[in-house]
Amino acid sequence: MSEEDLGSHESHAEQLRARVSVSGLTSQELRLAALGAATDDRDAPEPYGTLVRQIIADSVRVSDGQVLAVREAAGSDKAAFEVILTAAIGAGLARWDAAQRAITEAKDAAP
């Protein structure tokens, strides 16, 4: 992957981060907490936090109960989906950031 490709991907990642935080059904504070939970010390308030941490750690193990609790707290399926999607985007971007750091370090270590 070329340096140009990494820059392009980084630009897209930053645009995605910005877009998620701009508007939605849930509060910006909640979206930013869900988005940043994988990389920051942020934590979404309960019951959102439990679901967000589960999505980050092992999304295949998200339970119906976790989703139902968020759906009830959020007030609609769309708002609950927004929290779920934002947490998944945050987890994916955290993995992207880690991969980009690894690629950069490997390039720096190459003879």
Protein backbone atom coordinates (compact mmCIF):
# COMPACT_ATOMS: atom_id res chain seq x y z
CA MET A 1 0.00 0.00 0.00
CA SER A 2 1.48 3.31 -1.03
CA GLU A 3 1.81 6.39 1.16
CA GLU A 4 -0.78 8.03 -1.09
CA ASP A 5 -3.24 5.17 -0.43
CA LEU A 6 -2.74 5.52 3.33
CA GLY A 7 -3.35 9.25 3.09
CA SER A 8 -6.52 8.72 1.12
CA HIS A 9 -7.80 6.17 3.62
CA GLU A 10 -6.89 8.46 6.52
CA SER A 11 -8.82 11.27 4.87
CA HIS A 12 -11.88 9.04 4.50
CA ALA A 13 -11.58 7.90 8.12
CA GLU A 14 -11.49 11.50 9.34
CA GLN A 15 -14.49 12.39 7.18
CA LEU A 16 -16.40 9.46 8.67
CA ARG A 17 -15.51 10.50 12.22
CA ALA A 18 -16.66 14.04 11.51
CA ARG A 19 -19.87 12.96 9.80
CA VAL A 20 -20.96 10.69 12.65
CA SER A 21 -20.58 13.49 15.16
CA VAL A 22 -22.47 16.14 13.18
CA SER A 23 -26.11 15.12 13.41
CA GLY A 24 -28.43 12.34 14.42
CA LEU A 25 -31.39 11.31 16.50
CA THR A 26 -29.33 10.81 19.65
CA SER A 27 -27.34 13.51 21.39
CA GLN A 28 -23.95 14.47 20.04
CA GLU A 29 -22.47 13.63 23.44
CA LEU A 30 -23.80 10.06 23.23
CA ARG A 31 -22.62 9.62 19.63
CA LEU A 32 -19.14 10.91 20.47
CA ALA A 33 -18.95 8.61 23.50
CA ALA A 34 -19.96 5.60 21.38
CA LEU A 35 -17.58 6.62 18.60
CA GLY A 36 -14.63 7.22 20.90
CA ALA A 37 -15.09 4.40 23.39
CA ALA A 38 -12.70 2.11 21.51
CA THR A 39 -9.83 4.60 21.59
CA ASP A 40 -10.56 7.15 24.31
CA ASP A 41 -11.36 6.86 27.96
CA ARG A 42 -14.92 7.83 27.12
CA ASP A 43 -17.79 5.69 28.22
CA ALA A 44 -21.39 6.07 27.21
CA PRO A 45 -23.95 6.22 30.03
CA GLU A 46 -25.89 3.08 30.83
CA PRO A 47 -27.54 1.18 29.27
CA TYR A 48 -25.66 2.39 26.19
CA GLY A 49 -22.21 1.75 27.66
CA THR A 50 -22.78 -1.98 28.11
CA LEU A 51 -23.81 -2.39 24.48
CA VAL A 52 -21.04 -0.14 23.15
CA ARG A 53 -18.35 -2.05 25.09
CA GLN A 54 -19.76 -5.36 23.83
CA ILE A 55 -19.72 -4.18 20.23
CA ILE A 56 -16.09 -3.07 20.60
CA ALA A 57 -14.94 -6.25 22.34
CA ASP A 58 -16.92 -8.98 20.61
CA SER A 59 -19.89 -7.82 18.57
CA VAL A 60 -21.06 -11.31 17.72
CA ARG A 61 -21.98 -11.74 21.39
CA VAL A 62 -24.34 -8.75 21.58
CA SER A 63 -27.50 -9.96 23.27
CA ASP A 64 -31.13 -9.23 22.53
CA GLY A 65 -31.39 -7.85 26.06
CA GLN A 66 -28.61 -5.33 25.45
CA VAL A 67 -30.28 -4.12 22.27
CA LEU A 68 -33.71 -4.00 23.90
CA ALA A 69 -32.36 -1.93 26.82
CA VAL A 70 -30.82 0.57 24.40
CA ARG A 71 -33.96 0.63 22.27
CA GLU A 72 -36.07 1.43 25.32
CA ALA A 73 -33.66 4.12 26.54
CA ALA A 74 -33.24 5.66 23.08
CA GLY A 75 -36.96 5.70 22.39
CA SER A 76 -36.94 4.23 18.90
CA ASP A 77 -35.43 1.56 16.70
CA LYS A 78 -33.75 4.25 14.58
CA ALA A 79 -32.06 5.86 17.58
CA ALA A 80 -30.92 2.45 18.88
CA PHE A 81 -29.55 1.60 15.45
CA GLU A 82 -27.68 4.90 15.43
CA VAL A 83 -25.94 3.99 18.71
CA ILE A 84 -25.11 0.50 17.43
CA LEU A 85 -23.79 1.79 14.11
CA THR A 86 -21.76 4.55 15.76
CA ALA A 87 -20.12 2.06 18.15
CA ALA A 88 -19.33 -0.26 15.24
CA ILE A 89 -17.83 2.62 13.25
CA GLY A 90 -15.75 3.61 16.27
CA ALA A 91 -14.49 0.04 16.71
CA GLY A 92 -13.64 -0.22 13.01
CA LEU A 93 -11.83 3.11 13.01
CA ALA A 94 -9.84 2.10 16.10
CA ARG A 95 -8.74 -1.05 14.28
CA TRP A 96 -7.89 1.02 11.21
CA ASP A 97 -5.78 3.38 13.33
CA ALA A 98 -3.93 0.42 14.87
CA ALA A 99 -3.29 -1.11 11.44
CA GLN A 100 -2.05 2.19 10.06
CA ARG A 101 0.36 2.57 12.99
CA ALA A 102 1.65 -0.98 12.43
CA ILE A 103 2.22 -0.30 8.72
CA THR A 104 4.03 2.94 9.48
CA GLU A 105 6.22 1.28 12.15
CA ALA A 106 7.04 -1.60 9.80
CA LYS A 107 8.07 0.85 7.09
CA ASP A 108 10.25 2.75 9.57
CA ALA A 109 11.89 -0.49 10.74
CA ALA A 110 12.57 -1.79 7.22
CA PRO A 111 16.24 -1.65 6.18
